[in-house]
PDB file of N, CA and C in Angstrom:
ATOM      1  N   MET A   1       0.790  -0.950   0.005  1.00  0.00           N
ATOM      2  CA  MET A   1      -0.195  -0.007   0.026  1.00  0.00           C
ATOM      3  C   MET A   1       1.016   1.360   0.074  1.00  0.00           C
ATOM      4  N   GLN A   2       0.612   2.180  -1.059  1.00  0.00           N
ATOM      5  CA  GLN A   2       1.656   3.480  -0.970  1.00  0.00           C
ATOM      6  C   GLN A   2       0.720   4.532  -0.414  1.00  0.00           C
ATOM      7  N   CYS A   3       1.360   5.462   0.272  1.00  0.00           N
ATOM      8  CA  CYS A   3       0.538   6.369   1.245  1.00  0.00           C
ATOM      9  C   CYS A   3       1.254   7.613   0.489  1.00  0.00           C
ATOM     10  N   ASP A   4       0.665   8.589  -0.282  1.00  0.00           N
ATOM     11  CA  ASP A   4       1.158  10.082  -0.640  1.00  0.00           C
ATOM     12  C   ASP A   4       1.497  11.078   0.450  1.00  0.00           C
ATOM     13  N   PHE A   5       0.862  10.734   1.331  1.00  0.00           N
ATOM     14  CA  PHE A   5       1.437  11.925   2.786  1.00  0.00           C
ATOM     15  C   PHE A   5       0.857  11.307   4.056  1.00  0.00           C
ATOM     16  N   VAL A   6       1.758  11.639   4.876  1.00  0.00           N
ATOM     17  CA  VAL A   6       1.353  10.757   6.210  1.00  0.00           C
ATOM     18  C   VAL A   6       0.564  11.864   6.958  1.00  0.00           C
ATOM     19  N   VAL A   7      -0.405  11.405   7.846  1.00  0.00           N
ATOM     20  CA  VAL A   7      -1.315  12.542   8.607  1.00  0.00           C
ATOM     21  C   VAL A   7      -1.047  11.890  10.169  1.00  0.00           C
ATOM     22  N   SER A   8      -0.731  12.445  10.984  1.00  0.00           N
ATOM     23  CA  SER A   8      -0.728  12.121  12.132  1.00  0.00           C
ATOM     24  C   SER A   8      -2.137  12.118  13.241  1.00  0.00           C
ATOM     25  N   GLN A   9      -2.283  11.394  13.997  1.00  0.00           N
ATOM     26  CA  GLN A   9      -3.258  11.362  14.896  1.00  0.00           C
ATOM     27  C   GLN A   9      -3.632  12.538  15.530  1.00  0.00           C
ATOM     28  N   TYR A  10      -2.505  13.387  15.492  1.00  0.00           N
ATOM     29  CA  TYR A  10      -2.707  14.843  16.124  1.00  0.00           C
ATOM     30  C   TYR A  10      -3.109  15.744  15.495  1.00  0.00           C
ATOM     31  N   ALA A  11      -3.272  15.566  14.106  1.00  0.00           N
ATOM     32  CA  ALA A  11      -3.595  16.596  13.371  1.00  0.00           C
ATOM     33  C   ALA A  11      -4.798  15.807  12.454  1.00  0.00           C
ATOM     34  N   PRO A  12      -5.829  17.012  12.258  1.00  0.00           N
ATOM     35  CA  PRO A  12      -6.841  16.140  11.436  1.00  0.00           C
ATOM     36  C   PRO A  12      -6.741  16.359   9.657  1.00  0.00           C
ATOM     37  N   HIS A  13      -7.242  15.601   9.149  1.00  0.00           N
ATOM     38  CA  HIS A  13      -7.173  15.072   7.775  1.00  0.00           C
ATOM     39  C   HIS A  13      -7.151  16.509   6.807  1.00  0.00           C
ATOM     40  N   PRO A  14      -6.617  16.684   5.959  1.00  0.00           N
ATOM     41  CA  PRO A  14      -6.656  17.738   4.921  1.00  0.00           C
ATOM     42  C   PRO A  14      -8.526  17.962   4.410  1.00  0.00           C
ATOM     43  N   LYS A  15      -8.715  19.164   4.418  1.00  0.00           N
ATOM     44  CA  LYS A  15      -9.947  19.352   3.946  1.00  0.00           C
ATOM     45  C   LYS A  15     -10.034  18.987   2.255  1.00  0.00           C
ATOM     46  N   LYS A  16     -11.495  18.372   2.014  1.00  0.00           N
ATOM     47  CA  LYS A  16     -11.755  17.876   1.004  1.00  0.00           C
ATOM     48  C   LYS A  16     -11.287  18.548  -0.345  1.00  0.00           C
ATOM     49  N   THR A  17     -11.298  19.934  -0.130  1.00  0.00           N
ATOM     50  CA  THR A  17     -11.191  20.688  -1.415  1.00  0.00           C
ATOM     51  C   THR A  17      -9.559  20.834  -1.778  1.00  0.00           C
ATOM     52  N   THR A  18      -8.765  20.540  -0.675  1.00  0.00           N
ATOM     53  CA  THR A  18      -7.565  20.795  -0.947  1.00  0.00           C
ATOM     54  C   THR A  18      -7.066  19.735  -2.164  1.00  0.00           C
ATOM     55  N   PRO A  19      -6.350  20.210  -3.370  1.00  0.00           N
ATOM     56  CA  PRO A  19      -5.603  19.398  -4.060  1.00  0.00           C
ATOM     57  C   PRO A  19      -4.304  18.280  -3.328  1.00  0.00           C
ATOM     58  N   VAL A  20      -4.443  17.281  -3.889  1.00  0.00           N
ATOM     59  CA  VAL A  20      -3.249  16.581  -3.096  1.00  0.00           C
ATOM     60  C   VAL A  20      -2.397  15.921  -4.505  1.00  0.00           C
ATOM     61  N   LEU A  21      -1.225  16.459  -4.603  1.00  0.00           N
ATOM     62  CA  LEU A  21      -0.628  15.768  -5.576  1.00  0.00           C
ATOM     63  C   LEU A  21       0.162  14.516  -5.219  1.00  0.00           C
ATOM     64  N   SER A  22      -0.292  13.392  -6.109  1.00  0.00           N
ATOM     65  CA  SER A  22       0.032  12.274  -5.781  1.00  0.00           C
ATOM     66  C   SER A  22       1.731  12.174  -6.203  1.00  0.00           C
ATOM     67  N   LEU A  23       2.342  10.964  -5.523  1.00  0.00           N
ATOM     68  CA  LEU A  23       3.742  10.820  -5.917  1.00  0.00           C
ATOM     69  C   LEU A  23       4.172  10.696  -7.553  1.00  0.00           C
ATOM     70  N   ARG A  24       3.100  10.535  -8.475  1.00  0.00           N
ATOM     71  CA  ARG A  24       3.464  10.218  -9.712  1.00  0.00           C
ATOM     72  C   ARG A  24       3.213  11.792 -10.136  1.00  0.00           C
ATOM     73  N   ASP A  25       2.474  12.176  -9.717  1.00  0.00           N
ATOM     74  CA  ASP A  25       2.476  13.902 -10.256  1.00  0.00           C
ATOM     75  C   ASP A  25       3.553  14.439  -9.880  1.00  0.00           C
ATOM     76  N   GLN A  26       4.068  14.139  -8.410  1.00  0.00           N
ATOM     77  CA  GLN A  26       5.430  15.043  -8.189  1.00  0.00           C
ATOM     78  C   GLN A  26       6.505  14.739  -8.988  1.00  0.00           C
ATOM     79  N   ALA A  27       6.834  13.303  -9.249  1.00  0.00           N
ATOM     80  CA  ALA A  27       7.620  12.844 -10.094  1.00  0.00           C
ATOM     81  C   ALA A  27       7.566  13.540 -11.534  1.00  0.00           C
ATOM     82  N   SER A  28       6.646  13.808 -12.123  1.00  0.00           N
ATOM     83  CA  SER A  28       6.623  14.146 -13.238  1.00  0.00           C
ATOM     84  C   SER A  28       6.914  16.165 -13.084  1.00  0.00           C
ATOM     85  N   MET A  29       6.872  16.597 -12.101  1.00  0.00           N
ATOM     86  CA  MET A  29       6.848  17.984 -12.151  1.00  0.00           C
ATOM     87  C   MET A  29       8.513  18.327 -12.057  1.00  0.00           C
ATOM     88  N   SER A  30       9.245  18.285 -12.827  1.00  0.00           N
ATOM     89  CA  SER A  30      10.604  18.586 -12.725  1.00  0.00           C
ATOM     90  C   SER A  30      10.826  19.296 -14.071  1.00  0.00           C
ATOM     91  N   TRP A  31      11.924  20.365 -13.969  1.00  0.00           N
ATOM     92  CA  TRP A  31      12.465  21.026 -15.114  1.00  0.00           C
ATOM     93  C   TRP A  31      13.743  21.445 -15.092  1.00  0.00           C
ATOM     94  N   PHE A  32      14.110  21.837 -16.246  1.00  0.00           N
ATOM     95  CA  PHE A  32      15.604  22.455 -16.285  1.00  0.00           C
ATOM     96  C   PHE A  32      15.236  24.071 -16.612  1.00  0.00           C
ATOM     97  N   ILE A  33      15.791  24.731 -16.025  1.00  0.00           N
ATOM     98  CA  ILE A  33      15.691  26.356 -16.351  1.00  0.00           C
ATOM     99  C   ILE A  33      16.972  26.859 -16.481  1.00  0.00           C
ATOM    100  N   HIS A  34      17.314  28.049 -17.243  1.00  0.00           N
ATOM    101  CA  HIS A  34      18.257  28.364 -17.369  1.00  0.00           C
ATOM    102  C   HIS A  34      18.345  29.769 -16.549  1.00  0.00           C
ATOM    103  N   HIS A  35      19.358  29.991 -15.680  1.00  0.00           N
ATOM    104  CA  HIS A  35      19.528  31.117 -14.900  1.00  0.00           C
ATOM    105  C   HIS A  35      20.177  32.094 -15.427  1.00  0.00           C
ATOM    106  N   GLN A  36      19.616  33.467 -15.526  1.00  0.00           N
ATOM    107  CA  GLN A  36      20.032  34.531 -16.171  1.00  0.00           C
ATOM    108  C   GLN A  36      21.171  34.989 -15.798  1.00  0.00           C
ATOM    109  N   HIS A  37      21.625  35.068 -14.464  1.00  0.00           N
ATOM    110  CA  HIS A  37      22.671  35.662 -14.071  1.00  0.00           C
ATOM    111  C   HIS A  37      23.667  34.584 -13.870  1.00  0.00           C
ATOM    112  N   TYR A  38      24.009  33.543 -13.865  1.00  0.00           N
ATOM    113  CA  TYR A  38      24.897  32.672 -13.527  1.00  0.00           C
ATOM    114  C   TYR A  38      25.101  31.677 -15.114  1.00  0.00           C
ATOM    115  N   ASP A  39      24.121  31.972 -15.892  1.00  0.00           N
ATOM    116  CA  ASP A  39      24.413  31.324 -17.111  1.00  0.00           C
ATOM    117  C   ASP A  39      24.719  29.906 -17.350  1.00  0.00           C
ATOM    118  N   CYS A  40      23.760  29.269 -16.750  1.00  0.00           N
ATOM    119  CA  CYS A  40      23.888  27.673 -16.265  1.00  0.00           C
ATOM    120  C   CYS A  40      22.371  27.169 -16.347  1.00  0.00           C
ATOM    121  N   SER A  41      22.337  25.882 -16.644  1.00  0.00           N
ATOM    122  CA  SER A  41      20.934  25.267 -15.911  1.00  0.00           C
ATOM    123  C   SER A  41      20.813  24.655 -14.932  1.00  0.00           C
ATOM    124  N   LEU A  42      19.773  24.715 -14.510  1.00  0.00           N
ATOM    125  CA  LEU A  42      19.598  24.283 -12.815  1.00  0.00           C
ATOM    126  C   LEU A  42      18.307  23.271 -12.931  1.00  0.00           C
ATOM    127  N   PHE A  43      18.555  22.232 -12.324  1.00  0.00           N
ATOM    128  CA  PHE A  43      17.361  21.049 -12.155  1.00  0.00           C
ATOM    129  C   PHE A  43      16.493  21.913 -11.056  1.00  0.00           C
ATOM    130  N   VAL A  44      15.114  21.830 -11.168  1.00  0.00           N
ATOM    131  CA  VAL A  44      14.261  22.153 -10.440  1.00  0.00           C
ATOM    132  C   VAL A  44      13.107  21.207 -10.392  1.00  0.00           C
ATOM    133  N   TRP A  45      12.519  21.096  -9.008  1.00  0.00           N
ATOM    134  CA  TRP A  45      11.432  20.236  -8.778  1.00  0.00           C
ATOM    135  C   TRP A  45      10.514  20.582  -7.810  1.00  0.00           C
ATOM    136  N   ILE A  46       9.382  19.832  -7.609  1.00  0.00           N
ATOM    137  CA  ILE A  46       8.378  20.556  -6.453  1.00  0.00           C
ATOM    138  C   ILE A  46       7.981  19.434  -5.800  1.00  0.00           C
ATOM    139  N   SER A  47       7.710  19.578  -4.770  1.00  0.00           N
ATOM    140  CA  SER A  47       7.023  18.521  -3.790  1.00  0.00           C
ATOM    141  C   SER A  47       6.070  18.857  -3.004  1.00  0.00           C
ATOM    142  N   GLN A  48       5.060  18.066  -2.265  1.00  0.00           N
ATOM    143  CA  GLN A  48       4.089  18.552  -1.525  1.00  0.00           C
ATOM    144  C   GLN A  48       4.568  18.058  -0.147  1.00  0.00           C
ATOM    145  N   ALA A  49       4.253  18.900   0.731  1.00  0.00           N
ATOM    146  CA  ALA A  49       4.486  18.874   2.073  1.00  0.00           C
ATOM    147  C   ALA A  49       3.037  19.458   3.073  1.00  0.00           C
ATOM    148  N   TRP A  50       3.057  18.686   4.168  1.00  0.00           N
ATOM    149  CA  TRP A  50       1.603  19.154   5.176  1.00  0.00           C
ATOM    150  C   TRP A  50       2.038  19.921   6.352  1.00  0.00           C
ATOM    151  N   LEU A  51       1.754  21.070   6.425  1.00  0.00           N
ATOM    152  CA  LEU A  51       2.171  21.640   7.745  1.00  0.00           C
ATOM    153  C   LEU A  51       0.680  21.200   8.606  1.00  0.00           C
ATOM    154  N   LYS A  52       1.307  20.709   9.776  1.00  0.00           N
ATOM    155  CA  LYS A  52       0.427  20.266  10.578  1.00  0.00           C
ATOM    156  C   LYS A  52      -0.020  21.171  11.626  1.00  0.00           C
ATOM    157  N   GLN A  53      -1.344  21.429  11.998  1.00  0.00           N
ATOM    158  CA  GLN A  53      -1.901  22.612  12.955  1.00  0.00           C
ATOM    159  C   GLN A  53      -2.625  22.014  14.125  1.00  0.00           C
ATOM    160  N   PRO A  54      -2.143  22.094  15.277  1.00  0.00           N
ATOM    161  CA  PRO A  54      -3.090  21.500  16.492  1.00  0.00           C
ATOM    162  C   PRO A  54      -4.801  22.102  16.236  1.00  0.00           C
ATOM    163  N   LYS A  55      -5.591  20.957  16.357  1.00  0.00           N
ATOM    164  CA  LYS A  55      -7.100  21.406  16.091  1.00  0.00           C
ATOM    165  C   LYS A  55      -7.458  22.072  15.231  1.00  0.00           C
ATOM    166  N   LYS A  56      -6.619  21.739  13.986  1.00  0.00           N
ATOM    167  CA  LYS A  56      -7.309  22.468  12.627  1.00  0.00           C
ATOM    168  C   LYS A  56      -6.839  21.707  11.546  1.00  0.00           C
ATOM    169  N   PHE A  57      -7.253  22.053  10.313  1.00  0.00           N
ATOM    170  CA  PHE A  57      -6.654  21.144   9.114  1.00  0.00           C
ATOM    171  C   PHE A  57      -5.502  21.199   8.717  1.00  0.00           C
ATOM    172  N   SER A  58      -4.961  19.959   8.427  1.00  0.00           N
ATOM    173  CA  SER A  58      -3.575  20.675   7.823  1.00  0.00           C
ATOM    174  C   SER A  58      -3.610  21.072   6.672  1.00  0.00           C
ATOM    175  N   LEU A  59      -2.435  22.029   6.506  1.00  0.00           N
ATOM    176  CA  LEU A  59      -2.686  22.861   5.203  1.00  0.00           C
ATOM    177  C   LEU A  59      -1.364  22.349   4.590  1.00  0.00           C
ATOM    178  N   PRO A  60      -1.452  22.348   3.067  1.00  0.00           N
ATOM    179  CA  PRO A  60      -0.366  21.880   2.203  1.00  0.00           C
ATOM    180  C   PRO A  60       0.436  23.096   1.921  1.00  0.00           C
ATOM    181  N   ARG A  61       1.690  22.510   1.780  1.00  0.00           N
ATOM    182  CA  ARG A  61       2.764  23.414   1.604  1.00  0.00           C
ATOM    183  C   ARG A  61       3.504  22.754   0.090  1.00  0.00           C
ATOM    184  N   TYR A  62       3.985  23.556  -0.567  1.00  0.00           N
ATOM    185  CA  TYR A  62       4.725  23.284  -1.964  1.00  0.00           C
ATOM    186  C   TYR A  62       5.968  23.905  -1.747  1.00  0.00           C
ATOM    187  N   GLN A  63       7.035  22.831  -1.824  1.00  0.00           N
ATOM    188  CA  GLN A  63       8.095  22.951  -1.926  1.00  0.00           C
ATOM    189  C   GLN A  63       8.742  23.153  -3.284  1.00  0.00           C
ATOM    190  N   VAL A  64       9.647  24.253  -3.638  1.00  0.00           N
ATOM    191  CA  VAL A  64      10.456  24.176  -4.827  1.00  0.00           C
ATOM    192  C   VAL A  64      11.799  23.714  -4.809  1.00  0.00           C
ATOM    193  N   PHE A  65      12.551  23.011  -5.150  1.00  0.00           N
ATOM    194  CA  PHE A  65      13.969  22.747  -4.914  1.00  0.00           C
ATOM    195  C   PHE A  65      14.654  23.026  -6.294  1.00  0.00           C
ATOM    196  N   VAL A  66      15.889  23.585  -5.882  1.00  0.00           N
ATOM    197  CA  VAL A  66      16.799  24.108  -7.227  1.00  0.00           C
ATOM    198  C   VAL A  66      18.102  23.178  -6.808  1.00  0.00           C
ATOM    199  N   GLU A  67      18.522  22.509  -7.676  1.00  0.00           N
ATOM    200  CA  GLU A  67      19.630  21.437  -7.522  1.00  0.00           C
ATOM    201  C   GLU A  67      20.661  22.403  -8.509  1.00  0.00           C
ATOM    202  N   PHE A  68      22.014  22.282  -8.017  1.00  0.00           N
ATOM    203  CA  PHE A  68      23.258  22.881  -8.830  1.00  0.00           C
ATOM    204  C   PHE A  68      24.350  22.310  -8.114  1.00  0.00           C
ATOM    205  N   ARG A  69      25.534  22.658  -8.649  1.00  0.00           N
ATOM    206  CA  ARG A  69      26.976  22.075  -8.150  1.00  0.00           C
ATOM    207  C   ARG A  69      27.571  23.220  -7.560  1.00  0.00           C
ATOM    208  N   ASP A  70      28.233  23.146  -6.470  1.00  0.00           N
ATOM    209  CA  ASP A  70      29.075  24.047  -5.867  1.00  0.00           C
ATOM    210  C   ASP A  70      30.679  24.029  -6.419  1.00  0.00           C
ATOM    211  N   SER A  71      31.852  24.552  -5.811  1.00  0.00           N
ATOM    212  CA  SER A  71      33.103  24.743  -6.630  1.00  0.00           C
ATOM    213  C   SER A  71      33.901  23.378  -6.591  1.00  0.00           C
ATOM    214  N   ASN A  72      33.100  22.452  -5.525  1.00  0.00           N
ATOM    215  CA  ASN A  72      34.079  21.610  -5.222  1.00  0.00           C
ATOM    216  C   ASN A  72      32.937  20.314  -5.872  1.00  0.00           C
ATOM    217  N   ARG A  73      32.383  20.402  -6.871  1.00  0.00           N
ATOM    218  CA  ARG A  73      31.688  19.565  -7.626  1.00  0.00           C
ATOM    219  C   ARG A  73      30.448  18.715  -6.968  1.00  0.00           C
ATOM    220  N   CYS A  74      29.975  19.116  -5.596  1.00  0.00           N
ATOM    221  CA  CYS A  74      29.231  18.367  -4.819  1.00  0.00           C
ATOM    222  C   CYS A  74      27.705  18.947  -5.112  1.00  0.00           C
ATOM    223  N   CYS A  75      27.016  18.333  -5.309  1.00  0.00           N
ATOM    224  CA  CYS A  75      25.305  18.584  -5.391  1.00  0.00           C
ATOM    225  C   CYS A  75      24.698  19.631  -4.275  1.00  0.00           C
ATOM    226  N   ARG A  76      24.381  20.528  -4.581  1.00  0.00           N
ATOM    227  CA  ARG A  76      23.809  21.511  -3.211  1.00  0.00           C
ATOM    228  C   ARG A  76      22.035  21.874  -3.897  1.00  0.00           C
ATOM    229  N   TYR A  77      21.299  22.332  -3.321  1.00  0.00           N
ATOM    230  CA  TYR A  77      20.033  22.643  -3.520  1.00  0.00           C
ATOM    231  C   TYR A  77      19.519  23.562  -2.563  1.00  0.00           C
ATOM    232  N   HIS A  78      18.807  24.500  -2.774  1.00  0.00           N
ATOM    233  CA  HIS A  78      18.031  25.561  -2.155  1.00  0.00           C
ATOM    234  C   HIS A  78      16.576  25.195  -2.174  1.00  0.00           C
ATOM    235  N   GLU A  79      15.864  25.378  -1.230  1.00  0.00           N
ATOM    236  CA  GLU A  79      14.436  25.247  -0.937  1.00  0.00           C
ATOM    237  C   GLU A  79      13.768  26.245  -0.781  1.00  0.00           C
ATOM    238  N   PHE A  80      12.728  26.465  -1.418  1.00  0.00           N
ATOM    239  CA  PHE A  80      11.477  27.496  -1.376  1.00  0.00           C
ATOM    240  C   PHE A  80      10.439  26.928  -1.011  1.00  0.00           C
ATOM    241  N   THR A  81       9.621  27.616  -0.177  1.00  0.00           N
ATOM    242  CA  THR A  81       8.366  27.112   0.160  1.00  0.00           C
ATOM    243  C   THR A  81       7.136  28.154   0.129  1.00  0.00           C
ATOM    244  N   PHE A  82       5.939  27.468  -0.673  1.00  0.00           N
ATOM    245  CA  PHE A  82       5.012  28.507  -0.957  1.00  0.00           C
ATOM    246  C   PHE A  82       3.720  27.685  -0.382  1.00  0.00           C
ATOM    247  N   SER A  83       2.744  28.467  -0.048  1.00  0.00           N
ATOM    248  CA  SER A  83       1.511  28.065   0.436  1.00  0.00           C
ATOM    249  C   SER A  83       0.600  27.565  -0.577  1.00  0.00           C
ATOM    250  N   ARG A  84       0.515  28.090  -1.913  1.00  0.00           N
ATOM    251  CA  ARG A  84      -0.334  27.747  -3.096  1.00  0.00           C
ATOM    252  C   ARG A  84       0.753  26.961  -4.094  1.00  0.00           C
ATOM    253  N   PHE A  85       0.181  26.147  -4.996  1.00  0.00           N
ATOM    254  CA  PHE A  85       0.474  25.502  -5.965  1.00  0.00           C
ATOM    255  C   PHE A  85       1.136  26.338  -7.207  1.00  0.00           C
ATOM    256  N   GLU A  86       0.137  27.430  -7.202  1.00  0.00           N
ATOM    257  CA  GLU A  86      -0.008  28.445  -8.319  1.00  0.00           C
ATOM    258  C   GLU A  86       1.355  29.413  -8.050  1.00  0.00           C
ATOM    259  N   GLU A  87       1.752  29.862  -7.046  1.00  0.00           N
ATOM    260  CA  GLU A  87       2.571  30.706  -6.621  1.00  0.00           C
ATOM    261  C   GLU A  87       4.059  29.965  -7.028  1.00  0.00           C
ATOM    262  N   ALA A  88       4.316  28.624  -6.519  1.00  0.00           N
ATOM    263  CA  ALA A  88       5.303  27.945  -6.697  1.00  0.00           C
ATOM    264  C   ALA A  88       5.807  27.953  -8.440  1.00  0.00           C
ATOM    265  N   LEU A  89       4.564  27.644  -8.882  1.00  0.00           N
ATOM    266  CA  LEU A  89       5.013  27.366 -10.665  1.00  0.00           C
ATOM    267  C   LEU A  89       5.451  28.889 -11.152  1.00  0.00           C
ATOM    268  N   GLN A  90       4.544  29.996 -10.533  1.00  0.00           N
ATOM    269  CA  GLN A  90       5.082  31.072 -11.086  1.00  0.00           C
ATOM    270  C   GLN A  90       6.364  31.779 -10.522  1.00  0.00           C
ATOM    271  N   PHE A  91       6.761  31.142  -9.587  1.00  0.00           N
ATOM    272  CA  PHE A  91       8.316  31.422  -9.096  1.00  0.00           C
ATOM    273  C   PHE A  91       9.250  30.525 -10.069  1.00  0.00           C
ATOM    274  N   ILE A  92       8.741  29.467 -10.256  1.00  0.00           N
ATOM    275  CA  ILE A  92       9.637  28.612 -10.943  1.00  0.00           C
ATOM    276  C   ILE A  92       9.751  29.529 -12.504  1.00  0.00           C
ATOM    277  N   HIS A  93       8.824  29.804 -13.150  1.00  0.00           N
ATOM    278  CA  HIS A  93       8.748  30.145 -14.317  1.00  0.00           C
ATOM    279  C   HIS A  93       9.028  31.756 -14.506  1.00  0.00           C
ATOM    280  N   GLY A  94       9.431  32.296 -13.379  1.00  0.00           N
ATOM    281  CA  GLY A  94       9.520  33.882 -13.238  1.00  0.00           C
ATOM    282  C   GLY A  94      10.610  34.166 -12.781  1.00  0.00           C
ATOM    283  N   PRO A  95      10.617  34.522 -11.566  1.00  0.00           N
ATOM    284  CA  PRO A  95      11.833  35.301 -10.624  1.00  0.00           C
ATOM    285  C   PRO A  95      13.081  34.114 -10.378  1.00  0.00           C
ATOM    286  N   LEU A  96      12.727  32.910 -10.284  1.00  0.00           N
ATOM    287  CA  LEU A  96      13.771  31.800 -10.076  1.00  0.00           C
ATOM    288  C   LEU A  96      15.201  32.167 -11.241  1.00  0.00           C
ATOM    289  N   ALA A  97      14.625  32.401 -12.237  1.00  0.00           N
ATOM    290  CA  ALA A  97      15.613  32.292 -12.974  1.00  0.00           C
ATOM    291  C   ALA A  97      16.720  33.958 -12.919  1.00  0.00           C
ATOM    292  N   HIS A  98      16.473  34.583 -12.263  1.00  0.00           N
ATOM    293  CA  HIS A  98      17.171  35.749 -11.424  1.00  0.00           C
ATOM    294  C   HIS A  98      17.638  35.626 -10.084  1.00  0.00           C
ATOM    295  N   HIS A  99      17.106  34.855  -9.257  1.00  0.00           N
ATOM    296  CA  HIS A  99      17.231  34.704  -8.002  1.00  0.00           C
ATOM    297  C   HIS A  99      18.429  34.253  -7.491  1.00  0.00           C
ATOM    298  N   ARG A 100      19.172  34.936  -6.604  1.00  0.00           N
ATOM    299  CA  ARG A 100      20.629  34.687  -6.197  1.00  0.00           C
ATOM    300  C   ARG A 100      20.768  33.560  -5.206  1.00  0.00           C
ATOM    301  N   LEU A 101      21.617  32.518  -5.520  1.00  0.00           N
ATOM    302  CA  LEU A 101      21.681  31.405  -4.909  1.00  0.00           C
ATOM    303  C   LEU A 101      23.390  31.164  -4.409  1.00  0.00           C
ATOM    304  N   ASN A 102      23.159  30.818  -3.162  1.00  0.00           N
ATOM    305  CA  ASN A 102      24.505  30.957  -2.585  1.00  0.00           C
ATOM    306  C   ASN A 102      25.438  29.668  -2.715  1.00  0.00           C
ATOM    307  N   ASN A 103      26.785  29.844  -2.857  1.00  0.00           N
ATOM    308  CA  ASN A 103      27.739  28.260  -2.855  1.00  0.00           C
ATOM    309  C   ASN A 103      27.428  28.002  -4.262  1.00  0.00           C
ATOM    310  N   ILE A 104      26.737  28.434  -5.470  1.00  0.00           N
ATOM    311  CA  ILE A 104      26.644  28.144  -6.714  1.00  0.00           C
ATOM    312  C   ILE A 104      28.021  28.336  -7.284  1.00  0.00           C
ATOM    313  N   SER A 105      28.084  27.352  -8.113  1.00  0.00           N
ATOM    314  CA  SER A 105      29.496  27.455  -8.966  1.00  0.00           C
ATOM    315  C   SER A 105      28.859  26.907 -10.602  1.00  0.00           C
ATOM    316  N   PRO A 106      28.561  28.172 -11.157  1.00  0.00           N
ATOM    317  CA  PRO A 106      28.177  28.045 -12.635  1.00  0.00           C
ATOM    318  C   PRO A 106      28.804  27.061 -13.522  1.00  0.00           C
ATOM    319  N   GLN A 107      30.070  27.134 -13.493  1.00  0.00           N
ATOM    320  CA  GLN A 107      31.328  26.382 -14.115  1.00  0.00           C
ATOM    321  C   GLN A 107      30.985  24.951 -13.984  1.00  0.00           C
ATOM    322  N   MET A 108      30.970  24.436 -12.717  1.00  0.00           N
ATOM    323  CA  MET A 108      30.598  23.143 -12.493  1.00  0.00           C
ATOM    324  C   MET A 108      29.433  22.789 -12.670  1.00  0.00           C
ATOM    325  N   THR A 109      28.513  23.729 -12.531  1.00  0.00           N
ATOM    326  CA  THR A 109      27.006  23.092 -12.781  1.00  0.00           C
ATOM    327  C   THR A 109      27.077  23.001 -14.198  1.00  0.00           C
ATOM    328  N   GLN A 110      27.615  23.441 -15.299  1.00  0.00           N
ATOM    329  CA  GLN A 110      27.435  23.353 -16.452  1.00  0.00           C
ATOM    330  C   GLN A 110      28.404  22.073 -17.009  1.00  0.00           C
ATOM    331  N   LEU A 111      29.315  21.907 -16.568  1.00  0.00           N
ATOM    332  CA  LEU A 111      30.645  20.808 -16.788  1.00  0.00           C
ATOM    333  C   LEU A 111      30.059  19.629 -16.108  1.00  0.00           C
ATOM    334  N   TYR A 112      29.367  19.671 -15.026  1.00  0.00           N
ATOM    335  CA  TYR A 112      28.906  18.222 -14.582  1.00  0.00           C
ATOM    336  C   TYR A 112      27.632  18.524 -14.022  1.00  0.00           C
ATOM    337  N   PRO A 113      26.239  18.247 -14.924  1.00  0.00           N
ATOM    338  CA  PRO A 113      24.923  18.396 -14.859  1.00  0.00           C
ATOM    339  C   PRO A 113      24.252  17.683 -13.655  1.00  0.00           C
ATOM    340  N   VAL A 114      23.598  18.024 -12.926  1.00  0.00           N
ATOM    341  CA  VAL A 114      22.737  17.246 -11.764  1.00  0.00           C
ATOM    342  C   VAL A 114      22.312  16.081 -12.404  1.00  0.00           C
ATOM    343  N   LYS A 115      21.574  16.532 -13.029  1.00  0.00           N
ATOM    344  CA  LYS A 115      20.565  15.584 -13.832  1.00  0.00           C
ATOM    345  C   LYS A 115      20.434  15.453 -15.422  1.00  0.00           C
ATOM    346  N   LYS A 116      20.900  14.497 -15.991  1.00  0.00           N
ATOM    347  CA  LYS A 116      20.928  14.723 -17.705  1.00  0.00           C
ATOM    348  C   LYS A 116      19.449  14.632 -18.185  1.00  0.00           C
ATOM    349  N   ASP A 117      19.538  15.444 -19.193  1.00  0.00           N
ATOM    350  CA  ASP A 117      18.154  15.748 -20.021  1.00  0.00           C
ATOM    351  C   ASP A 117      17.923  14.350 -20.737  1.00  0.00           C
ATOM    352  N   ASN A 118      16.724  13.785 -20.475  1.00  0.00           N
ATOM    353  CA  ASN A 118      16.196  12.420 -21.303  1.00  0.00           C
ATOM    354  C   ASN A 118      15.872  12.652 -22.613  1.00  0.00           C
TER     355      ASN A 118
END
């Protein structure tokens, strides 16, 4: 049996109107974007998490992960969290291409891509 998210006995289930991203949906939500400042491709994906609130419904959070290489050729990533799925998508297809990323090495990211295009 596969479970897309875990709900604790202490947090009520999500509201029925909240869209739930299945693991299959999450797996298909990955992109390569070209960063305008660093002039390299970044691997980006979305994942859904749940914020547990005592005596309230659990709230969905959408996490955007940006993966790249540092100067030692190690994989690094930054995480950005959004309360709405649409906000996460707008960030990926807009401001992310200009967002400052700490510890990135554009040269290593280009020479050793994090994940190859299929």
